[in-house]
């Protein structure tokens, strides 16, 4: 199911966080859907992901992802996803963030996370 991997991304602080106040992490990690990755990919910290309600796995937010997306969060660390292999990623569910340092944050993602992620100061 999962292959052991060396994790070294914990050595870096998440650069997308504005400050460390009121940061909430998900309980457990999110499971990134490896079937959505055709090549080995590094998903950067601060990447917008959401839960696909059919597979219960998380996918990258795209421009056409609707604002009704479920379980929208930001990845907390860099995670290497191997092609066609699911990967676990720590995630932030509430925080004050710097939008310019995030990846894949769309207007619909912002609408879906109103009250949880704060992009303005």
N, C-alpha and C. Protein backbone atom coordinates (compact mmCIF):
# COMPACT_ATOMS: atom_id res chain seq x y z
N UNK A 1 0.83 -1.18 0.00
CA UNK A 1 0.00 0.00 0.00
C UNK A 1 0.87 1.25 0.00
N UNK A 2 1.66 1.45 1.05
CA UNK A 2 2.58 2.59 1.11
C UNK A 2 3.99 2.07 1.22
N UNK A 3 4.91 2.73 0.53
CA UNK A 3 6.31 2.38 0.62
C UNK A 3 6.99 3.33 1.60
N UNK A 4 7.93 2.82 2.40
CA UNK A 4 8.61 3.72 3.33
C UNK A 4 9.42 4.77 2.58
N UNK A 5 9.38 5.99 3.05
CA UNK A 5 10.10 7.10 2.42
C UNK A 5 10.76 7.92 3.51
N UNK A 6 11.92 8.47 3.20
CA UNK A 6 12.60 9.37 4.12
C UNK A 6 11.97 10.75 3.99
N UNK A 7 11.54 11.31 5.11
CA UNK A 7 10.92 12.63 5.10
C UNK A 7 11.91 13.63 5.66
N UNK A 8 12.25 14.64 4.86
CA UNK A 8 13.17 15.66 5.36
C UNK A 8 12.58 17.06 5.24
N UNK A 9 11.31 17.16 4.90
CA UNK A 9 10.69 18.47 4.72
C UNK A 9 10.34 19.14 6.05
N UNK A 10 10.46 18.43 7.17
CA UNK A 10 10.13 19.02 8.46
C UNK A 10 11.19 20.01 8.93
N UNK A 11 12.27 20.12 8.19
CA UNK A 11 13.36 21.02 8.57
C UNK A 11 13.05 22.46 8.21
N UNK A 12 12.00 22.69 7.44
CA UNK A 12 11.66 24.04 6.99
C UNK A 12 10.36 24.51 7.63
N UNK A 13 10.32 25.80 7.93
CA UNK A 13 9.08 26.40 8.43
C UNK A 13 8.21 26.75 7.22
N UNK A 14 6.89 26.58 7.31
CA UNK A 14 6.01 26.94 6.19
C UNK A 14 6.10 28.43 5.88
N UNK A 15 6.61 28.77 4.72
CA UNK A 15 6.81 30.17 4.35
C UNK A 15 5.52 30.89 3.99
N UNK A 16 4.45 30.14 3.75
CA UNK A 16 3.20 30.77 3.34
C UNK A 16 2.40 31.30 4.53
N UNK A 17 2.78 30.93 5.75
CA UNK A 17 2.07 31.41 6.93
C UNK A 17 2.49 32.84 7.26
N UNK A 18 1.51 33.69 7.50
CA UNK A 18 1.79 35.08 7.87
C UNK A 18 2.35 35.14 9.30
N UNK A 19 1.76 34.36 10.19
CA UNK A 19 2.24 34.27 11.57
C UNK A 19 1.81 32.92 12.12
N UNK A 20 2.23 32.63 13.33
CA UNK A 20 1.94 31.33 13.92
C UNK A 20 0.72 31.35 14.85
N UNK A 21 0.00 32.46 14.89
CA UNK A 21 -1.18 32.54 15.75
C UNK A 21 -2.37 31.85 15.08
N UNK A 22 -3.12 31.13 15.88
CA UNK A 22 -4.38 30.51 15.43
C UNK A 22 -4.22 29.61 14.22
N UNK A 23 -3.11 28.90 14.12
CA UNK A 23 -2.92 27.94 13.03
C UNK A 23 -3.53 26.62 13.48
N UNK A 24 -4.39 26.04 12.63
CA UNK A 24 -4.99 24.74 12.92
C UNK A 24 -4.57 23.76 11.84
N UNK A 25 -4.01 22.64 12.26
CA UNK A 25 -3.63 21.57 11.34
C UNK A 25 -4.75 20.54 11.30
N UNK A 26 -4.83 19.78 10.23
CA UNK A 26 -5.80 18.70 10.15
C UNK A 26 -5.40 17.62 11.15
N UNK A 27 -6.36 16.87 11.61
CA UNK A 27 -6.07 15.73 12.48
C UNK A 27 -5.65 14.60 11.55
N UNK A 28 -4.43 14.15 11.67
CA UNK A 28 -3.89 13.18 10.72
C UNK A 28 -3.50 13.89 9.44
N UNK A 29 -3.02 13.15 8.49
CA UNK A 29 -2.60 13.71 7.22
C UNK A 29 -3.67 13.52 6.16
N UNK A 30 -3.58 14.32 5.10
CA UNK A 30 -4.49 14.12 3.97
C UNK A 30 -3.83 13.13 3.01
N UNK A 31 -4.64 12.36 2.29
CA UNK A 31 -4.14 11.38 1.34
C UNK A 31 -4.28 11.95 -0.07
N UNK A 32 -3.14 12.27 -0.68
CA UNK A 32 -3.16 12.81 -2.04
C UNK A 32 -3.36 11.67 -3.03
N UNK A 33 -4.26 11.87 -3.98
CA UNK A 33 -4.62 10.85 -4.97
C UNK A 33 -3.52 10.72 -6.01
N UNK A 34 -2.72 9.68 -5.90
CA UNK A 34 -1.61 9.46 -6.82
C UNK A 34 -2.04 9.22 -8.25
N UNK A 35 -3.27 8.77 -8.48
CA UNK A 35 -3.73 8.52 -9.85
C UNK A 35 -3.85 9.81 -10.65
N UNK A 36 -3.84 10.95 -9.97
CA UNK A 36 -3.94 12.25 -10.65
C UNK A 36 -2.57 12.79 -11.07
N UNK A 37 -1.50 12.07 -10.73
CA UNK A 37 -0.13 12.49 -11.06
C UNK A 37 0.47 11.50 -12.05
N UNK A 38 0.79 11.97 -13.26
CA UNK A 38 1.36 11.09 -14.28
C UNK A 38 2.88 11.00 -14.18
N UNK A 39 3.51 11.95 -13.49
CA UNK A 39 4.96 11.94 -13.27
C UNK A 39 5.22 12.22 -11.79
N UNK A 40 6.44 11.90 -11.36
CA UNK A 40 6.82 12.23 -9.99
C UNK A 40 6.76 13.75 -9.83
N UNK A 41 6.12 14.22 -8.78
CA UNK A 41 5.87 15.65 -8.60
C UNK A 41 6.12 16.04 -7.15
N UNK A 42 6.72 17.21 -6.95
CA UNK A 42 6.84 17.76 -5.60
C UNK A 42 5.69 18.74 -5.41
N UNK A 43 4.82 18.43 -4.46
CA UNK A 43 3.72 19.32 -4.10
C UNK A 43 4.28 20.24 -3.02
N UNK A 44 4.37 21.51 -3.33
CA UNK A 44 4.99 22.47 -2.43
C UNK A 44 4.10 22.79 -1.23
N UNK A 45 4.74 23.17 -0.14
CA UNK A 45 4.00 23.63 1.03
C UNK A 45 3.16 24.84 0.63
N UNK A 46 1.92 24.86 1.09
CA UNK A 46 1.03 25.96 0.73
C UNK A 46 0.23 25.70 -0.52
N UNK A 47 0.19 24.46 -0.99
CA UNK A 47 -0.58 24.11 -2.18
C UNK A 47 -2.03 23.82 -1.79
N UNK A 48 -2.96 24.40 -2.53
CA UNK A 48 -4.39 24.21 -2.27
C UNK A 48 -4.83 22.83 -2.75
N UNK A 49 -5.47 22.07 -1.87
CA UNK A 49 -6.02 20.76 -2.21
C UNK A 49 -7.43 20.65 -1.63
N UNK A 50 -8.21 19.74 -2.18
CA UNK A 50 -9.57 19.51 -1.67
C UNK A 50 -9.87 18.03 -1.73
N UNK A 51 -10.88 17.59 -0.94
CA UNK A 51 -11.26 16.18 -0.90
C UNK A 51 -12.28 15.87 -1.98
N UNK A 52 -11.97 14.88 -2.79
CA UNK A 52 -12.92 14.35 -3.76
C UNK A 52 -13.91 13.49 -2.97
N UNK A 53 -15.18 13.85 -2.99
CA UNK A 53 -16.16 13.16 -2.15
C UNK A 53 -16.44 11.73 -2.62
N UNK A 54 -16.08 11.39 -3.85
CA UNK A 54 -16.30 10.03 -4.34
C UNK A 54 -15.18 9.09 -3.89
N UNK A 55 -13.93 9.55 -3.99
CA UNK A 55 -12.80 8.69 -3.64
C UNK A 55 -12.30 8.93 -2.21
N UNK A 56 -12.72 10.05 -1.60
CA UNK A 56 -12.23 10.48 -0.28
C UNK A 56 -10.73 10.74 -0.26
N UNK A 57 -10.14 10.94 -1.43
CA UNK A 57 -8.73 11.31 -1.53
C UNK A 57 -8.66 12.78 -1.93
N UNK A 58 -7.53 13.40 -1.65
CA UNK A 58 -7.37 14.82 -1.93
C UNK A 58 -6.71 15.03 -3.29
N UNK A 59 -7.17 16.08 -3.98
CA UNK A 59 -6.66 16.43 -5.30
C UNK A 59 -6.24 17.90 -5.30
N UNK A 60 -5.41 18.27 -6.26
CA UNK A 60 -5.00 19.66 -6.41
C UNK A 60 -6.19 20.49 -6.88
N UNK A 61 -6.32 21.69 -6.34
CA UNK A 61 -7.37 22.61 -6.77
C UNK A 61 -7.00 23.12 -8.16
N UNK A 62 -7.96 23.10 -9.07
CA UNK A 62 -7.79 23.61 -10.42
C UNK A 62 -8.65 24.86 -10.58
N UNK A 63 -8.44 25.59 -11.64
CA UNK A 63 -9.21 26.82 -11.88
C UNK A 63 -10.71 26.53 -11.94
N UNK A 64 -11.10 25.37 -12.46
CA UNK A 64 -12.52 25.03 -12.61
C UNK A 64 -13.11 24.29 -11.41
N UNK A 65 -12.32 24.08 -10.37
CA UNK A 65 -12.86 23.44 -9.17
C UNK A 65 -13.89 24.38 -8.54
N UNK A 66 -15.12 23.90 -8.30
CA UNK A 66 -16.17 24.80 -7.81
C UNK A 66 -15.96 25.22 -6.36
N UNK A 67 -16.59 26.33 -5.98
CA UNK A 67 -16.45 26.82 -4.60
C UNK A 67 -17.15 25.91 -3.59
N UNK A 68 -17.90 24.94 -4.07
CA UNK A 68 -18.55 23.97 -3.18
C UNK A 68 -17.62 22.80 -2.84
N UNK A 69 -16.33 22.93 -3.16
CA UNK A 69 -15.37 21.86 -2.89
C UNK A 69 -15.40 21.49 -1.41
N UNK A 70 -15.14 20.24 -1.14
CA UNK A 70 -15.18 19.72 0.23
C UNK A 70 -13.77 19.62 0.80
N UNK A 71 -13.62 19.92 2.07
CA UNK A 71 -12.36 19.70 2.76
C UNK A 71 -11.18 20.49 2.23
N UNK A 72 -11.40 21.72 1.81
CA UNK A 72 -10.31 22.53 1.24
C UNK A 72 -9.28 22.88 2.31
N UNK A 73 -8.01 22.56 2.05
CA UNK A 73 -6.90 22.83 2.97
C UNK A 73 -5.66 23.20 2.16
N UNK A 74 -4.62 23.63 2.87
CA UNK A 74 -3.32 23.90 2.26
C UNK A 74 -2.31 22.89 2.80
N UNK A 75 -1.47 22.33 1.93
CA UNK A 75 -0.45 21.41 2.40
C UNK A 75 0.52 22.18 3.30
N UNK A 76 1.01 21.53 4.34
CA UNK A 76 1.87 22.20 5.32
C UNK A 76 3.35 22.06 4.99
N UNK A 77 3.73 21.00 4.29
CA UNK A 77 5.13 20.74 3.96
C UNK A 77 5.24 20.36 2.50
N UNK A 78 6.46 20.43 1.96
CA UNK A 78 6.72 19.89 0.63
C UNK A 78 6.56 18.37 0.71
N UNK A 79 5.88 17.79 -0.29
CA UNK A 79 5.67 16.35 -0.32
C UNK A 79 5.96 15.86 -1.73
N UNK A 80 6.77 14.81 -1.85
CA UNK A 80 7.02 14.23 -3.16
C UNK A 80 5.98 13.15 -3.41
N UNK A 81 5.24 13.31 -4.50
CA UNK A 81 4.23 12.34 -4.90
C UNK A 81 4.79 11.58 -6.09
N UNK A 82 4.92 10.27 -5.94
CA UNK A 82 5.41 9.44 -7.03
C UNK A 82 4.24 9.11 -7.95
N UNK A 83 4.52 9.04 -9.24
CA UNK A 83 3.48 8.80 -10.24
C UNK A 83 2.65 7.57 -9.87
N UNK A 84 1.35 7.76 -9.87
CA UNK A 84 0.37 6.70 -9.62
C UNK A 84 0.44 6.09 -8.22
N UNK A 85 1.13 6.76 -7.27
CA UNK A 85 1.17 6.29 -5.88
C UNK A 85 0.56 7.34 -4.97
N UNK A 86 -0.36 6.94 -4.12
CA UNK A 86 -0.94 7.87 -3.15
C UNK A 86 0.14 8.32 -2.17
N UNK A 87 0.00 9.53 -1.65
CA UNK A 87 0.98 10.06 -0.70
C UNK A 87 0.27 10.78 0.44
N UNK A 88 0.83 10.67 1.63
CA UNK A 88 0.30 11.37 2.79
C UNK A 88 0.96 12.73 2.91
N UNK A 89 0.17 13.74 3.27
CA UNK A 89 0.71 15.10 3.41
C UNK A 89 0.08 15.77 4.63
N UNK A 90 0.88 16.42 5.47
CA UNK A 90 0.29 17.22 6.54
C UNK A 90 -0.38 18.44 5.93
N UNK A 91 -1.42 18.93 6.59
CA UNK A 91 -2.17 20.05 6.00
C UNK A 91 -2.65 21.02 7.08
N UNK A 92 -2.82 22.26 6.65
CA UNK A 92 -3.33 23.33 7.50
C UNK A 92 -4.77 23.60 7.11
N UNK A 93 -5.66 23.67 8.10
CA UNK A 93 -7.08 23.92 7.79
C UNK A 93 -7.54 25.32 8.15
N UNK A 94 -6.73 26.03 8.95
CA UNK A 94 -7.07 27.41 9.30
C UNK A 94 -5.80 28.17 9.63
N UNK A 95 -5.66 29.38 9.05
CA UNK A 95 -4.47 30.20 9.32
C UNK A 95 -4.58 31.53 8.60
N UNK A 96 -3.67 32.42 8.97
CA UNK A 96 -3.49 33.67 8.24
C UNK A 96 -2.31 33.44 7.30
N UNK A 97 -2.55 33.57 6.00
CA UNK A 97 -1.52 33.20 5.02
C UNK A 97 -1.20 34.34 4.06
N UNK A 98 -0.06 34.22 3.41
CA UNK A 98 0.37 35.16 2.39
C UNK A 98 0.04 34.51 1.04
N UNK A 99 -0.96 35.03 0.34
CA UNK A 99 -1.45 34.41 -0.88
C UNK A 99 -0.36 34.24 -1.92
N UNK A 100 0.54 35.21 -2.02
CA UNK A 100 1.59 35.16 -3.03
C UNK A 100 2.56 34.00 -2.80
N UNK A 101 2.57 33.44 -1.63
CA UNK A 101 3.47 32.32 -1.32
C UNK A 101 2.74 30.97 -1.34
N UNK A 102 1.50 30.97 -1.80
CA UNK A 102 0.75 29.72 -1.92
C UNK A 102 0.75 29.28 -3.38
N UNK A 103 0.27 28.07 -3.60
CA UNK A 103 0.19 27.51 -4.95
C UNK A 103 -1.23 27.00 -5.18
N UNK A 104 -1.81 27.37 -6.31
CA UNK A 104 -3.12 26.84 -6.68
C UNK A 104 -4.31 27.45 -5.97
N UNK A 105 -4.11 28.53 -5.25
CA UNK A 105 -5.23 29.19 -4.56
C UNK A 105 -6.02 29.98 -5.58
N UNK A 106 -7.28 29.60 -5.78
CA UNK A 106 -8.16 30.26 -6.74
C UNK A 106 -9.21 31.07 -5.99
N UNK A 107 -9.96 31.87 -6.74
CA UNK A 107 -11.06 32.62 -6.12
C UNK A 107 -12.07 31.67 -5.47
N UNK A 108 -12.33 30.53 -6.12
CA UNK A 108 -13.27 29.56 -5.56
C UNK A 108 -12.73 28.92 -4.28
N UNK A 109 -11.42 28.70 -4.21
CA UNK A 109 -10.80 28.18 -2.98
C UNK A 109 -10.99 29.18 -1.85
N UNK A 110 -10.77 30.45 -2.15
CA UNK A 110 -10.94 31.50 -1.14
C UNK A 110 -12.38 31.54 -0.65
N UNK A 111 -13.35 31.43 -1.57
CA UNK A 111 -14.76 31.42 -1.18
C UNK A 111 -15.09 30.19 -0.34
N UNK A 112 -14.50 29.05 -0.69
CA UNK A 112 -14.79 27.80 0.03
C UNK A 112 -14.21 27.80 1.44
N UNK A 113 -13.21 28.65 1.68
CA UNK A 113 -12.54 28.66 2.98
C UNK A 113 -12.75 29.96 3.76
N UNK A 114 -13.77 30.71 3.40
CA UNK A 114 -14.06 31.97 4.12
C UNK A 114 -14.20 31.67 5.61
N UNK A 115 -13.53 32.46 6.43
CA UNK A 115 -13.59 32.27 7.87
C UNK A 115 -12.51 31.34 8.41
N UNK A 116 -11.86 30.58 7.53
CA UNK A 116 -10.79 29.69 7.98
C UNK A 116 -9.42 30.19 7.55
N UNK A 117 -9.29 30.61 6.29
CA UNK A 117 -8.04 31.18 5.81
C UNK A 117 -8.22 32.67 5.63
N UNK A 118 -7.26 33.42 6.11
CA UNK A 118 -7.31 34.87 6.01
C UNK A 118 -6.17 35.30 5.09
N UNK A 119 -6.53 35.86 3.92
CA UNK A 119 -5.55 36.24 2.91
C UNK A 119 -5.23 37.72 2.94
N UNK A 120 -5.95 38.50 3.73
CA UNK A 120 -5.74 39.94 3.77
C UNK A 120 -5.26 40.36 5.16
N UNK A 121 -4.66 41.53 5.20
CA UNK A 121 -4.22 42.07 6.50
C UNK A 121 -4.68 43.49 6.59
